[in-house]
Amino acid sequence: MKKLFTLSTVIFVVSMAFYLSGCVNYEQKTKLENDGSGTMKIHYWTKSSNISSGEVQGFGFTEEKVKANYGSGNTEVSNIKIEEKVVEGEQPKTNMLHLI
């Protein structure tokens, strides 16, 4: 009985890892200056078919959602680029978000 429970747990964890992987791809580059200021470049993307209501797992794919997620009294979102791009050999289109 314990082996069955362990096997079920392993199968569940592996299944969730495959399900969640690849939903949103994320890259971030952060540069901090000596005075405490800095910049952060965030780039994330997913397939258009994964997006419902402009959001996937908390990642916004509209300008308003991006500003709400990343802007604050201490940060300024200065450049947002949202594009829909066809990746060769893939269907459907991939939504790419470039946030600087």
PDB file of N, CA and C in Angstrom:
ATOM      1  N   MET A   1       0.824  -1.192   0.000  1.00  0.00           N
ATOM      2  CA  MET A   1       0.000   0.000   0.000  1.00  0.00           C
ATOM      3  C   MET A   1       0.873   1.263   0.000  1.00  0.00           C
ATOM      4  N   LYS A   2       1.961   1.234   0.783  1.00  0.00           N
ATOM      5  CA  LYS A   2       2.838   2.392   0.852  1.00  0.00           C
ATOM      6  C   LYS A   2       3.536   2.619  -0.488  1.00  0.00           C
ATOM      7  N   LYS A   3       3.917   1.530  -1.183  1.00  0.00           N
ATOM      8  CA  LYS A   3       4.553   1.658  -2.492  1.00  0.00           C
ATOM      9  C   LYS A   3       3.596   2.279  -3.501  1.00  0.00           C
ATOM     10  N   LEU A   4       2.324   1.904  -3.430  1.00  0.00           N
ATOM     11  CA  LEU A   4       1.322   2.460  -4.343  1.00  0.00           C
ATOM     12  C   LEU A   4       1.175   3.962  -4.109  1.00  0.00           C
ATOM     13  N   PHE A   5       1.152   4.368  -2.836  1.00  0.00           N
ATOM     14  CA  PHE A   5       1.047   5.788  -2.507  1.00  0.00           C
ATOM     15  C   PHE A   5       2.271   6.547  -3.018  1.00  0.00           C
ATOM     16  N   THR A   6       3.447   5.993  -2.804  1.00  0.00           N
ATOM     17  CA  THR A   6       4.683   6.626  -3.263  1.00  0.00           C
ATOM     18  C   THR A   6       4.710   6.735  -4.779  1.00  0.00           C
ATOM     19  N   LEU A   7       4.326   5.671  -5.467  1.00  0.00           N
ATOM     20  CA  LEU A   7       4.280   5.684  -6.927  1.00  0.00           C
ATOM     21  C   LEU A   7       3.279   6.722  -7.426  1.00  0.00           C
ATOM     22  N   SER A   8       2.116   6.788  -6.794  1.00  0.00           N
ATOM     23  CA  SER A   8       1.101   7.773  -7.184  1.00  0.00           C
ATOM     24  C   SER A   8       1.619   9.194  -6.989  1.00  0.00           C
ATOM     25  N   THR A   9       2.324   9.421  -5.896  1.00  0.00           N
ATOM     26  CA  THR A   9       2.875  10.745  -5.621  1.00  0.00           C
ATOM     27  C   THR A   9       3.915  11.128  -6.665  1.00  0.00           C
ATOM     28  N   VAL A  10       4.792  10.208  -6.999  1.00  0.00           N
ATOM     29  CA  VAL A  10       5.825  10.474  -8.009  1.00  0.00           C
ATOM     30  C   VAL A  10       5.187  10.764  -9.357  1.00  0.00           C
ATOM     31  N   ILE A  11       4.211   9.975  -9.752  1.00  0.00           N
ATOM     32  CA  ILE A  11       3.522  10.193 -11.032  1.00  0.00           C
ATOM     33  C   ILE A  11       2.843  11.557 -11.043  1.00  0.00           C
ATOM     34  N   PHE A  12       2.209  11.935  -9.940  1.00  0.00           N
ATOM     35  CA  PHE A  12       1.541  13.230  -9.861  1.00  0.00           C
ATOM     36  C   PHE A  12       2.545  14.378 -10.000  1.00  0.00           C
ATOM     37  N   VAL A  13       3.654  14.301  -9.274  1.00  0.00           N
ATOM     38  CA  VAL A  13       4.661  15.366  -9.312  1.00  0.00           C
ATOM     39  C   VAL A  13       5.261  15.493 -10.709  1.00  0.00           C
ATOM     40  N   VAL A  14       5.594  14.390 -11.333  1.00  0.00           N
ATOM     41  CA  VAL A  14       6.161  14.419 -12.684  1.00  0.00           C
ATOM     42  C   VAL A  14       5.138  14.961 -13.677  1.00  0.00           C
ATOM     43  N   SER A  15       3.892  14.551 -13.543  1.00  0.00           N
ATOM     44  CA  SER A  15       2.838  15.048 -14.441  1.00  0.00           C
ATOM     45  C   SER A  15       2.664  16.555 -14.304  1.00  0.00           C
ATOM     46  N   MET A  16       2.672  17.054 -13.078  1.00  0.00           N
ATOM     47  CA  MET A  16       2.528  18.492 -12.861  1.00  0.00           C
ATOM     48  C   MET A  16       3.734  19.249 -13.418  1.00  0.00           C
ATOM     49  N   ALA A  17       4.910  18.675 -13.294  1.00  0.00           N
ATOM     50  CA  ALA A  17       6.106  19.325 -13.838  1.00  0.00           C
ATOM     51  C   ALA A  17       6.000  19.463 -15.349  1.00  0.00           C
ATOM     52  N   PHE A  18       5.526  18.423 -16.019  1.00  0.00           N
ATOM     53  CA  PHE A  18       5.351  18.501 -17.471  1.00  0.00           C
ATOM     54  C   PHE A  18       4.226  19.461 -17.833  1.00  0.00           C
ATOM     55  N   TYR A  19       3.158  19.473 -17.052  1.00  0.00           N
ATOM     56  CA  TYR A  19       2.022  20.348 -17.327  1.00  0.00           C
ATOM     57  C   TYR A  19       2.418  21.814 -17.183  1.00  0.00           C
ATOM     58  N   LEU A  20       3.160  22.129 -16.136  1.00  0.00           N
ATOM     59  CA  LEU A  20       3.503  23.522 -15.865  1.00  0.00           C
ATOM     60  C   LEU A  20       4.707  24.013 -16.650  1.00  0.00           C
ATOM     61  N   SER A  21       5.570  23.124 -17.059  1.00  0.00           N
ATOM     62  CA  SER A  21       6.751  23.568 -17.797  1.00  0.00           C
ATOM     63  C   SER A  21       6.359  24.047 -19.179  1.00  0.00           C
ATOM     64  N   GLY A  22       6.985  25.109 -19.595  1.00  0.00           N
ATOM     65  CA  GLY A  22       6.733  25.612 -20.928  1.00  0.00           C
ATOM     66  C   GLY A  22       5.521  26.513 -21.049  1.00  0.00           C
ATOM     67  N   CYS A  23       4.768  26.701 -19.976  1.00  0.00           N
ATOM     68  CA  CYS A  23       3.612  27.589 -20.058  1.00  0.00           C
ATOM     69  C   CYS A  23       4.060  29.026 -20.296  1.00  0.00           C
ATOM     70  N   VAL A  24       4.991  29.498 -19.484  1.00  0.00           N
ATOM     71  CA  VAL A  24       5.539  30.838 -19.643  1.00  0.00           C
ATOM     72  C   VAL A  24       7.056  30.727 -19.560  1.00  0.00           C
ATOM     73  N   ASN A  25       7.723  31.203 -20.576  1.00  0.00           N
ATOM     74  CA  ASN A  25       9.187  31.256 -20.584  1.00  0.00           C
ATOM     75  C   ASN A  25       9.595  32.628 -20.066  1.00  0.00           C
ATOM     76  N   TYR A  26      10.643  32.689 -19.247  1.00  0.00           N
ATOM     77  CA  TYR A  26      10.992  33.928 -18.546  1.00  0.00           C
ATOM     78  C   TYR A  26      12.504  34.132 -18.535  1.00  0.00           C
ATOM     79  N   GLU A  27      12.921  35.340 -18.880  1.00  0.00           N
ATOM     80  CA  GLU A  27      14.326  35.744 -18.785  1.00  0.00           C
ATOM     81  C   GLU A  27      14.377  37.096 -18.090  1.00  0.00           C
ATOM     82  N   GLN A  28      15.376  37.288 -17.240  1.00  0.00           N
ATOM     83  CA  GLN A  28      15.515  38.557 -16.526  1.00  0.00           C
ATOM     84  C   GLN A  28      16.987  38.927 -16.420  1.00  0.00           C
ATOM     85  N   LYS A  29      17.296  40.192 -16.701  1.00  0.00           N
ATOM     86  CA  LYS A  29      18.646  40.727 -16.521  1.00  0.00           C
ATOM     87  C   LYS A  29      18.533  41.935 -15.605  1.00  0.00           C
ATOM     88  N   THR A  30      19.282  41.920 -14.523  1.00  0.00           N
ATOM     89  CA  THR A  30      19.235  42.991 -13.536  1.00  0.00           C
ATOM     90  C   THR A  30      20.617  43.611 -13.397  1.00  0.00           C
ATOM     91  N   LYS A  31      20.661  44.941 -13.365  1.00  0.00           N
ATOM     92  CA  LYS A  31      21.920  45.662 -13.174  1.00  0.00           C
ATOM     93  C   LYS A  31      21.728  46.631 -12.009  1.00  0.00           C
ATOM     94  N   LEU A  32      22.520  46.455 -10.953  1.00  0.00           N
ATOM     95  CA  LEU A  32      22.455  47.327  -9.785  1.00  0.00           C
ATOM     96  C   LEU A  32      23.686  48.219  -9.738  1.00  0.00           C
ATOM     97  N   GLU A  33      23.451  49.494  -9.480  1.00  0.00           N
ATOM     98  CA  GLU A  33      24.535  50.469  -9.361  1.00  0.00           C
ATOM     99  C   GLU A  33      24.937  50.597  -7.890  1.00  0.00           C
ATOM    100  N   ASN A  34      26.098  51.207  -7.641  1.00  0.00           N
ATOM    101  CA  ASN A  34      26.598  51.388  -6.271  1.00  0.00           C
ATOM    102  C   ASN A  34      25.671  52.247  -5.420  1.00  0.00           C
ATOM    103  N   ASP A  35      24.957  53.190  -6.042  1.00  0.00           N
ATOM    104  CA  ASP A  35      24.065  54.070  -5.288  1.00  0.00           C
ATOM    105  C   ASP A  35      22.711  53.430  -4.990  1.00  0.00           C
ATOM    106  N   GLY A  36      22.508  52.178  -5.378  1.00  0.00           N
ATOM    107  CA  GLY A  36      21.252  51.476  -5.106  1.00  0.00           C
ATOM    108  C   GLY A  36      20.264  51.525  -6.250  1.00  0.00           C
ATOM    109  N   SER A  37      20.528  52.357  -7.240  1.00  0.00           N
ATOM    110  CA  SER A  37      19.638  52.403  -8.399  1.00  0.00           C
ATOM    111  C   SER A  37      19.979  51.238  -9.325  1.00  0.00           C
ATOM    112  N   GLY A  38      19.172  51.056 -10.324  1.00  0.00           N
ATOM    113  CA  GLY A  38      19.468  49.983 -11.265  1.00  0.00           C
ATOM    114  C   GLY A  38      18.397  49.852 -12.324  1.00  0.00           C
ATOM    115  N   THR A  39      18.594  48.883 -13.174  1.00  0.00           N
ATOM    116  CA  THR A  39      17.629  48.586 -14.229  1.00  0.00           C
ATOM    117  C   THR A  39      17.383  47.085 -14.255  1.00  0.00           C
ATOM    118  N   MET A  40      16.215  46.742 -14.757  1.00  0.00           N
ATOM    119  CA  MET A  40      15.857  45.348 -14.902  1.00  0.00           C
ATOM    120  C   MET A  40      15.180  45.176 -16.253  1.00  0.00           C
ATOM    121  N   LYS A  41      15.644  44.224 -17.010  1.00  0.00           N
ATOM    122  CA  LYS A  41      15.011  43.888 -18.278  1.00  0.00           C
ATOM    123  C   LYS A  41      14.363  42.525 -18.115  1.00  0.00           C
ATOM    124  N   ILE A  42      13.066  42.477 -18.366  1.00  0.00           N
ATOM    125  CA  ILE A  42      12.299  41.238 -18.236  1.00  0.00           C
ATOM    126  C   ILE A  42      11.747  40.885 -19.605  1.00  0.00           C
ATOM    127  N   HIS A  43      11.880  39.641 -19.963  1.00  0.00           N
ATOM    128  CA  HIS A  43      11.361  39.151 -21.241  1.00  0.00           C
ATOM    129  C   HIS A  43      10.657  37.837 -20.957  1.00  0.00           C
ATOM    130  N   TYR A  44       9.364  37.783 -21.217  1.00  0.00           N
ATOM    131  CA  TYR A  44       8.667  36.510 -21.076  1.00  0.00           C
ATOM    132  C   TYR A  44       7.723  36.310 -22.234  1.00  0.00           C
ATOM    133  N   TRP A  45       7.439  35.046 -22.513  1.00  0.00           N
ATOM    134  CA  TRP A  45       6.611  34.730 -23.668  1.00  0.00           C
ATOM    135  C   TRP A  45       5.920  33.394 -23.476  1.00  0.00           C
ATOM    136  N   THR A  46       4.835  33.223 -24.225  1.00  0.00           N
ATOM    137  CA  THR A  46       4.075  31.981 -24.224  1.00  0.00           C
ATOM    138  C   THR A  46       3.316  31.879 -25.534  1.00  0.00           C
ATOM    139  N   LYS A  47       2.743  30.746 -25.789  1.00  0.00           N
ATOM    140  CA  LYS A  47       1.908  30.587 -26.979  1.00  0.00           C
ATOM    141  C   LYS A  47       0.594  31.326 -26.763  1.00  0.00           C
ATOM    142  N   SER A  48       0.069  31.897 -27.820  1.00  0.00           N
ATOM    143  CA  SER A  48      -1.185  32.648 -27.729  1.00  0.00           C
ATOM    144  C   SER A  48      -2.320  31.786 -27.193  1.00  0.00           C
ATOM    145  N   SER A  49      -2.282  30.508 -27.479  1.00  0.00           N
ATOM    146  CA  SER A  49      -3.355  29.621 -27.029  1.00  0.00           C
ATOM    147  C   SER A  49      -3.358  29.454 -25.508  1.00  0.00           C
ATOM    148  N   ASN A  50      -2.267  29.794 -24.832  1.00  0.00           N
ATOM    149  CA  ASN A  50      -2.207  29.696 -23.370  1.00  0.00           C
ATOM    150  C   ASN A  50      -2.828  30.903 -22.678  1.00  0.00           C
ATOM    151  N   ILE A  51      -3.067  31.980 -23.412  1.00  0.00           N
ATOM    152  CA  ILE A  51      -3.506  33.235 -22.808  1.00  0.00           C
ATOM    153  C   ILE A  51      -5.024  33.324 -22.805  1.00  0.00           C
ATOM    154  N   SER A  52      -5.561  33.575 -21.610  1.00  0.00           N
ATOM    155  CA  SER A  52      -6.981  33.896 -21.491  1.00  0.00           C
ATOM    156  C   SER A  52      -7.065  35.123 -20.592  1.00  0.00           C
ATOM    157  N   SER A  53      -7.835  36.063 -20.943  1.00  0.00           N
ATOM    158  CA  SER A  53      -8.014  37.333 -20.220  1.00  0.00           C
ATOM    159  C   SER A  53      -6.713  38.106 -20.048  1.00  0.00           C
ATOM    160  N   GLY A  54      -5.787  37.946 -20.999  1.00  0.00           N
ATOM    161  CA  GLY A  54      -4.561  38.730 -20.981  1.00  0.00           C
ATOM    162  C   GLY A  54      -3.564  38.347 -19.912  1.00  0.00           C
ATOM    163  N   GLU A  55      -3.743  37.186 -19.282  1.00  0.00           N
ATOM    164  CA  GLU A  55      -2.867  36.810 -18.181  1.00  0.00           C
ATOM    165  C   GLU A  55      -2.661  35.300 -18.148  1.00  0.00           C
ATOM    166  N   VAL A  56      -1.437  34.881 -17.806  1.00  0.00           N
ATOM    167  CA  VAL A  56      -1.111  33.472 -17.614  1.00  0.00           C
ATOM    168  C   VAL A  56      -0.327  33.363 -16.321  1.00  0.00           C
ATOM    169  N   GLN A  57      -0.863  32.685 -15.336  1.00  0.00           N
ATOM    170  CA  GLN A  57      -0.203  32.454 -14.052  1.00  0.00           C
ATOM    171  C   GLN A  57       0.398  33.731 -13.470  1.00  0.00           C
ATOM    172  N   GLY A  58      -0.332  34.830 -13.528  1.00  0.00           N
ATOM    173  CA  GLY A  58       0.136  36.091 -12.959  1.00  0.00           C
ATOM    174  C   GLY A  58       0.984  36.944 -13.888  1.00  0.00           C
ATOM    175  N   PHE A  59       1.346  36.425 -15.047  1.00  0.00           N
ATOM    176  CA  PHE A  59       2.112  37.197 -16.020  1.00  0.00           C
ATOM    177  C   PHE A  59       1.130  37.904 -16.942  1.00  0.00           C
ATOM    178  N   GLY A  60       1.182  39.231 -16.967  1.00  0.00           N
ATOM    179  CA  GLY A  60       0.278  40.002 -17.801  1.00  0.00           C
ATOM    180  C   GLY A  60       0.775  40.116 -19.227  1.00  0.00           C
ATOM    181  N   PHE A  61      -0.149  40.057 -20.166  1.00  0.00           N
ATOM    182  CA  PHE A  61       0.195  40.219 -21.577  1.00  0.00           C
ATOM    183  C   PHE A  61      -0.545  41.397 -22.192  1.00  0.00           C
ATOM    184  N   THR A  62      -0.965  42.341 -21.345  1.00  0.00           N
ATOM    185  CA  THR A  62      -1.491  43.616 -21.809  1.00  0.00           C
ATOM    186  C   THR A  62      -0.702  44.711 -21.089  1.00  0.00           C
ATOM    187  N   GLU A  63      -0.653  45.886 -21.680  1.00  0.00           N
ATOM    188  CA  GLU A  63       0.118  46.985 -21.097  1.00  0.00           C
ATOM    189  C   GLU A  63      -0.368  47.330 -19.690  1.00  0.00           C
ATOM    190  N   GLU A  64      -1.677  47.331 -19.491  1.00  0.00           N
ATOM    191  CA  GLU A  64      -2.238  47.673 -18.184  1.00  0.00           C
ATOM    192  C   GLU A  64      -1.817  46.662 -17.117  1.00  0.00           C
ATOM    193  N   LYS A  65      -1.879  45.379 -17.451  1.00  0.00           N
ATOM    194  CA  LYS A  65      -1.513  44.347 -16.475  1.00  0.00           C
ATOM    195  C   LYS A  65      -0.024  44.384 -16.157  1.00  0.00           C
ATOM    196  N   VAL A  66       0.797  44.672 -17.151  1.00  0.00           N
ATOM    197  CA  VAL A  66       2.242  44.761 -16.922  1.00  0.00           C
ATOM    198  C   VAL A  66       2.545  45.914 -15.974  1.00  0.00           C
ATOM    199  N   LYS A  67       1.960  47.074 -16.215  1.00  0.00           N
ATOM    200  CA  LYS A  67       2.194  48.230 -15.344  1.00  0.00           C
ATOM    201  C   LYS A  67       1.699  47.955 -13.929  1.00  0.00           C
ATOM    202  N   ALA A  68       0.564  47.282 -13.803  1.00  0.00           N
ATOM    203  CA  ALA A  68       0.043  46.952 -12.478  1.00  0.00           C
ATOM    204  C   ALA A  68       0.950  45.954 -11.757  1.00  0.00           C
ATOM    205  N   ASN A  69       1.501  44.992 -12.480  1.00  0.00           N
ATOM    206  CA  ASN A  69       2.353  43.964 -11.869  1.00  0.00           C
ATOM    207  C   ASN A  69       3.731  44.487 -11.486  1.00  0.00           C
ATOM    208  N   TYR A  70       4.321  45.352 -12.300  1.00  0.00           N
ATOM    209  CA  TYR A  70       5.720  45.732 -12.118  1.00  0.00           C
ATOM    210  C   TYR A  70       5.934  47.172 -11.680  1.00  0.00           C
ATOM    211  N   GLY A  71       4.954  48.022 -11.808  1.00  0.00           N
ATOM    212  CA  GLY A  71       5.107  49.407 -11.395  1.00  0.00           C
ATOM    213  C   GLY A  71       4.781  49.586  -9.923  1.00  0.00           C
ATOM    214  N   SER A  72       5.425  50.573  -9.296  1.00  0.00           N
ATOM    215  CA  SER A  72       5.136  50.919  -7.904  1.00  0.00           C
ATOM    216  C   SER A  72       5.672  52.322  -7.649  1.00  0.00           C
ATOM    217  N   GLY A  73       5.599  52.765  -6.415  1.00  0.00           N
ATOM    218  CA  GLY A  73       6.151  54.067  -6.067  1.00  0.00           C
ATOM    219  C   GLY A  73       7.665  54.114  -6.207  1.00  0.00           C
ATOM    220  N   ASN A  74       8.295  52.953  -6.176  1.00  0.00           N
ATOM    221  CA  ASN A  74       9.756  52.884  -6.263  1.00  0.00           C
ATOM    222  C   ASN A  74      10.265  52.466  -7.633  1.00  0.00           C
ATOM    223  N   THR A  75       9.387  52.023  -8.490  1.00  0.00           N
ATOM    224  CA  THR A  75       9.814  51.560  -9.815  1.00  0.00           C
ATOM    225  C   THR A  75       9.002  52.232 -10.904  1.00  0.00           C
ATOM    226  N   GLU A  76       9.619  52.381 -12.042  1.00  0.00           N
ATOM    227  CA  GLU A  76       8.953  52.966 -13.201  1.00  0.00           C
ATOM    228  C   GLU A  76       9.109  52.008 -14.377  1.00  0.00           C
ATOM    229  N   VAL A  77       7.999  51.641 -14.957  1.00  0.00           N
ATOM    230  CA  VAL A  77       8.029  50.818 -16.162  1.00  0.00           C
ATOM    231  C   VAL A  77       8.201  51.776 -17.325  1.00  0.00           C
ATOM    232  N   SER A  78       9.352  51.694 -17.997  1.00  0.00           N
ATOM    233  CA  SER A  78       9.667  52.707 -18.999  1.00  0.00           C
ATOM    234  C   SER A  78       9.474  52.252 -20.433  1.00  0.00           C
ATOM    235  N   ASN A  79       9.433  50.977 -20.675  1.00  0.00           N
ATOM    236  CA  ASN A  79       9.322  50.518 -22.057  1.00  0.00           C
ATOM    237  C   ASN A  79       8.634  49.162 -22.077  1.00  0.00           C
ATOM    238  N   ILE A  80       7.512  49.073 -22.756  1.00  0.00           N
ATOM    239  CA  ILE A  80       6.792  47.807 -22.893  1.00  0.00           C
ATOM    240  C   ILE A  80       6.619  47.534 -24.372  1.00  0.00           C
ATOM    241  N   LYS A  81       6.959  46.353 -24.767  1.00  0.00           N
ATOM    242  CA  LYS A  81       6.777  45.949 -26.164  1.00  0.00           C
ATOM    243  C   LYS A  81       6.083  44.591 -26.170  1.00  0.00           C
ATOM    244  N   ILE A  82       4.891  44.551 -26.705  1.00  0.00           N
ATOM    245  CA  ILE A  82       4.142  43.303 -26.808  1.00  0.00           C
ATOM    246  C   ILE A  82       3.995  42.993 -28.282  1.00  0.00           C
ATOM    247  N   GLU A  83       4.401  41.811 -28.665  1.00  0.00           N
ATOM    248  CA  GLU A  83       4.304  41.445 -30.074  1.00  0.00           C
ATOM    249  C   GLU A  83       3.795  40.020 -30.212  1.00  0.00           C
ATOM    250  N   GLU A  84       3.144  39.789 -31.310  1.00  0.00           N
ATOM    251  CA  GLU A  84       2.695  38.450 -31.656  1.00  0.00           C
ATOM    252  C   GLU A  84       3.567  37.977 -32.800  1.00  0.00           C
ATOM    253  N   LYS A  85       4.151  36.840 -32.639  1.00  0.00           N
ATOM    254  CA  LYS A  85       5.167  36.381 -33.569  1.00  0.00           C
ATOM    255  C   LYS A  85       4.914  34.920 -33.925  1.00  0.00           C
ATOM    256  N   VAL A  86       5.092  34.589 -35.181  1.00  0.00           N
ATOM    257  CA  VAL A  86       4.992  33.199 -35.604  1.00  0.00           C
ATOM    258  C   VAL A  86       6.387  32.593 -35.522  1.00  0.00           C
ATOM    259  N   VAL A  87       6.529  31.588 -34.675  1.00  0.00           N
ATOM    260  CA  VAL A  87       7.794  30.889 -34.536  1.00  0.00           C
ATOM    261  C   VAL A  87       7.809  29.772 -35.570  1.00  0.00           C
ATOM    262  N   GLU A  88       8.871  29.702 -36.336  1.00  0.00           N
ATOM    263  CA  GLU A  88       8.952  28.746 -37.437  1.00  0.00           C
ATOM    264  C   GLU A  88       8.692  27.324 -36.947  1.00  0.00           C
ATOM    265  N   GLY A  89       7.787  26.664 -37.625  1.00  0.00           N
ATOM    266  CA  GLY A  89       7.467  25.281 -37.297  1.00  0.00           C
ATOM    267  C   GLY A  89       6.473  25.122 -36.167  1.00  0.00           C
ATOM    268  N   GLU A  90       5.987  26.226 -35.590  1.00  0.00           N
ATOM    269  CA  GLU A  90       5.038  26.135 -34.485  1.00  0.00           C
ATOM    270  C   GLU A  90       3.722  26.774 -34.866  1.00  0.00           C
ATOM    271  N   GLN A  91       2.669  26.182 -34.432  1.00  0.00           N
ATOM    272  CA  GLN A  91       1.338  26.747 -34.512  1.00  0.00           C
ATOM    273  C   GLN A  91       0.732  26.550 -33.151  1.00  0.00           C
ATOM    274  N   PRO A  92       0.054  27.419 -32.544  1.00  0.00           N
ATOM    275  CA  PRO A  92      -0.313  28.764 -32.958  1.00  0.00           C
ATOM    276  C   PRO A  92       0.813  29.768 -32.718  1.00  0.00           C
ATOM    277  N   LYS A  93       0.460  31.041 -32.920  1.00  0.00           N
ATOM    278  CA  LYS A  93       1.427  32.124 -32.747  1.00  0.00           C
ATOM    279  C   LYS A  93       1.916  32.180 -31.298  1.00  0.00           C
ATOM    280  N   THR A  94       3.065  32.793 -31.109  1.00  0.00           N
ATOM    281  CA  THR A  94       3.640  32.972 -29.779  1.00  0.00           C
ATOM    282  C   THR A  94       3.566  34.445 -29.417  1.00  0.00           C
ATOM    283  N   ASN A  95       2.987  34.747 -28.256  1.00  0.00           N
ATOM    284  CA  ASN A  95       2.973  36.118 -27.758  1.00  0.00           C
ATOM    285  C   ASN A  95       4.262  36.361 -27.000  1.00  0.00           C
ATOM    286  N   MET A  96       4.954  37.447 -27.336  1.00  0.00           N
ATOM    287  CA  MET A  96       6.204  37.779 -26.682  1.00  0.00           C
ATOM    288  C   MET A  96       6.014  39.118 -25.975  1.00  0.00           C
ATOM    289  N   LEU A  97       6.515  39.230 -24.779  1.00  0.00           N
ATOM    290  CA  LEU A  97       6.453  40.479 -24.040  1.00  0.00           C
ATOM    291  C   LEU A  97       7.871  40.895 -23.707  1.00  0.00           C
ATOM    292  N   HIS A  98       8.223  42.108 -24.092  1.00  0.00           N
ATOM    293  CA  HIS A  98       9.528  42.669 -23.766  1.00  0.00           C
ATOM    294  C   HIS A  98       9.275  43.820 -22.810  1.00  0.00           C
ATOM    295  N   LEU A  99       9.800  43.746 -21.615  1.00  0.00           N
ATOM    296  CA  LEU A  99       9.578  44.765 -20.597  1.00  0.00           C
ATOM    297  C   LEU A  99      10.926  45.306 -20.162  1.00  0.00           C
ATOM    298  N   ILE A 100      11.131  46.615 -20.330  1.00  0.00           N
ATOM    299  CA  ILE A 100      12.394  47.232 -19.934  1.00  0.00           C
ATOM    300  C   ILE A 100      12.093  48.310 -18.910  1.00  0.00           C
TER     301      ILE A 100
END
